Amino acid sequence: MSYNDLRKGRCSITNQAYFVTTVLDNRDDAIFKSFYCARLLISHMQTLHENNYLHSMAWVIMPDHVHWLFQLGHRKSLAGVMQLFKGGSAYKINKYQQKSGVLWRDSYYEHALRTETEVKNIARYIVANPLRAGLVKKISDYPHWDAIWL
């Protein structure tokens, strides 16, 4: 499926809960093995939260992708928030690694959640993702555990 196909029908609604998944370019799983790179990403996500672009509910940083559950704020569209997220985090991580170029794939998956049950189920999915992926035996063993908000 092309990036333009993913954008068809995408809408941006203030206060809407969204489940977003975005993937590193080339699925480079070495980047977030660096604890500092993961912390840079977390810090940038918190900045977007604190500046009211969104309200984070849960997230997890996996080796080559990020799952994020948030309620969209009124300051930017969903596409605008994702541009701030990807652009800002790429800048910070590239600067730290003394690299340049693309960090994230252009596309991202989003799903608007319409019920409290959907929000709870997606939050559980996010939190359990490292366990399902075989990265840990217990959720609390995941090195970026503090990155998951509930």
Protein backbone atom coordinates (compact mmCIF):
# COMPACT_ATOMS: atom_id res chain seq x y z
CA MET A 1 0.00 0.00 0.00
CA SER A 2 1.42 3.39 -0.97
CA TYR A 3 1.77 6.41 1.31
CA ASN A 4 -0.96 8.23 -0.64
CA ASP A 5 -3.30 5.25 -0.19
CA LEU A 6 -2.73 5.45 3.58
CA ARG A 7 -3.66 9.14 3.55
CA LYS A 8 -7.01 8.58 1.82
CA GLY A 9 -9.84 9.12 4.27
CA ARG A 10 -7.50 10.31 7.03
CA CYS A 11 -9.15 12.99 9.10
CA SER A 12 -7.92 15.04 12.00
CA ILE A 13 -10.32 15.70 14.86
CA THR A 14 -9.42 17.70 17.96
CA ASN A 15 -9.79 15.65 21.18
CA GLN A 16 -10.03 12.41 19.17
CA ALA A 17 -8.03 9.45 20.52
CA TYR A 18 -5.60 8.05 17.96
CA PHE A 19 -3.47 4.93 17.91
CA VAL A 20 -0.41 5.66 15.77
CA THR A 21 2.40 3.39 14.64
CA THR A 22 5.44 4.71 12.83
CA VAL A 23 8.48 2.79 11.65
CA LEU A 24 12.14 3.66 11.35
CA ASP A 25 13.47 3.95 7.82
CA ASN A 26 14.95 0.62 6.71
CA ARG A 27 13.63 -0.81 10.00
CA ASP A 28 17.00 0.02 11.57
CA ASP A 29 16.76 -1.76 14.93
CA ALA A 30 20.13 -0.47 16.20
CA ILE A 31 19.00 3.09 16.91
CA PHE A 32 16.89 2.42 19.98
CA LYS A 33 19.39 -0.06 21.38
CA SER A 34 21.08 3.18 22.39
CA PHE A 35 19.44 4.12 25.66
CA TYR A 36 20.30 7.77 25.02
CA CYS A 37 18.57 7.76 21.61
CA ALA A 38 15.48 6.27 23.22
CA ARG A 39 15.60 8.95 25.93
CA LEU A 40 15.88 11.68 23.25
CA LEU A 41 12.75 10.29 21.61
CA ILE A 42 10.89 10.12 24.92
CA SER A 43 11.91 13.68 25.77
CA HIS A 44 10.62 14.91 22.43
CA MET A 45 7.32 13.06 22.91
CA GLN A 46 6.95 14.63 26.35
CA THR A 47 7.60 18.08 24.86
CA LEU A 48 4.75 17.60 22.38
CA HIS A 49 2.54 16.51 25.31
CA GLU A 50 3.57 19.42 27.54
CA ASN A 51 3.00 21.93 24.73
CA ASN A 52 -0.57 20.69 24.29
CA TYR A 53 -0.19 19.29 20.80
CA LEU A 54 -1.60 16.08 22.22
CA HIS A 55 -2.34 14.24 25.43
CA SER A 56 -0.31 11.03 25.65
CA MET A 57 -2.08 8.02 27.10
CA ALA A 58 0.39 5.20 26.35
CA TRP A 59 3.40 4.52 24.21
CA VAL A 60 6.15 2.02 23.68
CA ILE A 61 9.41 2.27 21.81
CA MET A 62 10.16 -0.98 20.05
CA PRO A 63 13.48 -1.75 18.33
CA ASP A 64 12.33 -0.42 14.93
CA HIS A 65 9.00 1.30 15.53
CA VAL A 66 6.88 3.27 17.97
CA HIS A 67 3.30 2.69 19.08
CA TRP A 68 1.62 5.77 20.54
CA LEU A 69 -1.86 6.30 21.91
CA PHE A 70 -2.82 9.94 22.33
CA GLN A 71 -5.67 12.38 22.25
CA LEU A 72 -5.09 15.07 19.63
CA GLY A 73 -4.91 18.64 20.89
CA HIS A 74 -6.19 21.74 19.12
CA ARG A 75 -2.84 23.26 18.04
CA LYS A 76 -2.05 21.03 15.04
CA SER A 77 -3.67 18.46 12.78
CA LEU A 78 -2.74 14.80 13.12
CA ALA A 79 -0.41 15.18 10.12
CA GLY A 80 1.10 18.29 11.70
CA VAL A 81 1.74 16.51 14.99
CA MET A 82 3.36 13.58 13.19
CA GLN A 83 5.54 16.00 11.23
CA LEU A 84 6.64 17.68 14.49
CA PHE A 85 7.25 14.27 16.08
CA LYS A 86 9.27 12.79 13.24
CA GLY A 87 11.14 15.94 12.27
CA GLY A 88 12.06 16.94 15.80
CA SER A 89 13.09 13.48 16.94
CA ALA A 90 15.09 12.87 13.74
CA TYR A 91 16.94 16.15 14.23
CA LYS A 92 17.83 15.37 17.86
CA ILE A 93 18.82 11.74 17.27
CA ASN A 94 20.81 12.53 14.11
CA LYS A 95 22.62 15.33 15.92
CA TYR A 96 23.53 13.01 18.80
CA GLN A 97 24.71 10.29 16.40
CA GLN A 98 26.52 12.86 14.24
CA LYS A 99 24.53 11.70 11.22
CA SER A 100 22.12 13.25 8.80
CA GLY A 101 19.32 12.00 6.65
CA VAL A 102 16.06 10.18 7.00
CA LEU A 103 15.24 8.51 10.32
CA TRP A 104 11.54 7.67 9.89
CA ARG A 105 9.55 6.32 6.97
CA ASP A 106 7.23 8.91 5.41
CA SER A 107 4.11 6.91 6.19
CA TYR A 108 2.50 6.03 9.47
CA TYR A 109 -0.51 3.98 10.50
CA GLU A 110 -3.27 5.68 12.46
CA HIS A 111 -6.56 4.48 13.79
CA ALA A 112 -9.16 6.75 15.41
CA LEU A 113 -10.59 5.16 18.55
CA ARG A 114 -14.24 5.81 19.21
CA THR A 115 -14.99 4.11 22.51
CA GLU A 116 -13.41 3.86 25.95
CA THR A 117 -13.21 0.09 25.45
CA GLU A 118 -11.14 0.57 22.27
CA VAL A 119 -8.81 2.96 24.13
CA LYS A 120 -8.30 0.45 26.97
CA ASN A 121 -7.72 -2.44 24.56
CA ILE A 122 -5.15 -0.48 22.55
CA ALA A 123 -3.38 0.66 25.74
CA ARG A 124 -3.12 -2.99 26.78
CA TYR A 125 -1.85 -3.91 23.31
CA ILE A 126 0.83 -1.21 23.51
CA VAL A 127 2.00 -2.18 26.99
CA ALA A 128 2.19 -5.88 26.11
CA ASN A 129 3.94 -5.37 22.77
CA PRO A 130 7.50 -6.04 24.07
CA LEU A 131 6.24 -9.23 25.73
CA ARG A 132 4.51 -10.47 22.58
CA ALA A 133 7.61 -9.65 20.53
CA GLY A 134 9.71 -11.84 22.83
CA LEU A 135 11.88 -8.94 24.00
CA VAL A 136 11.13 -9.61 27.67
CA LYS A 137 9.69 -12.30 29.93
CA LYS A 138 7.82 -9.74 32.05
CA ILE A 139 6.58 -6.31 30.98
CA SER A 140 8.47 -4.67 33.85
CA ASP A 141 11.75 -6.02 32.39
CA TYR A 142 11.48 -3.81 29.31
CA PRO A 143 14.32 -1.21 29.39
CA HIS A 144 12.04 1.62 28.24
CA TRP A 145 9.30 0.76 30.75
CA ASP A 146 9.19 4.35 32.01
CA ALA A 147 8.29 5.37 28.47
CA ILE A 148 4.89 3.74 28.79
CA TRP A 149 2.26 6.01 30.30
CA LEU A 150 -1.13 4.80 31.43
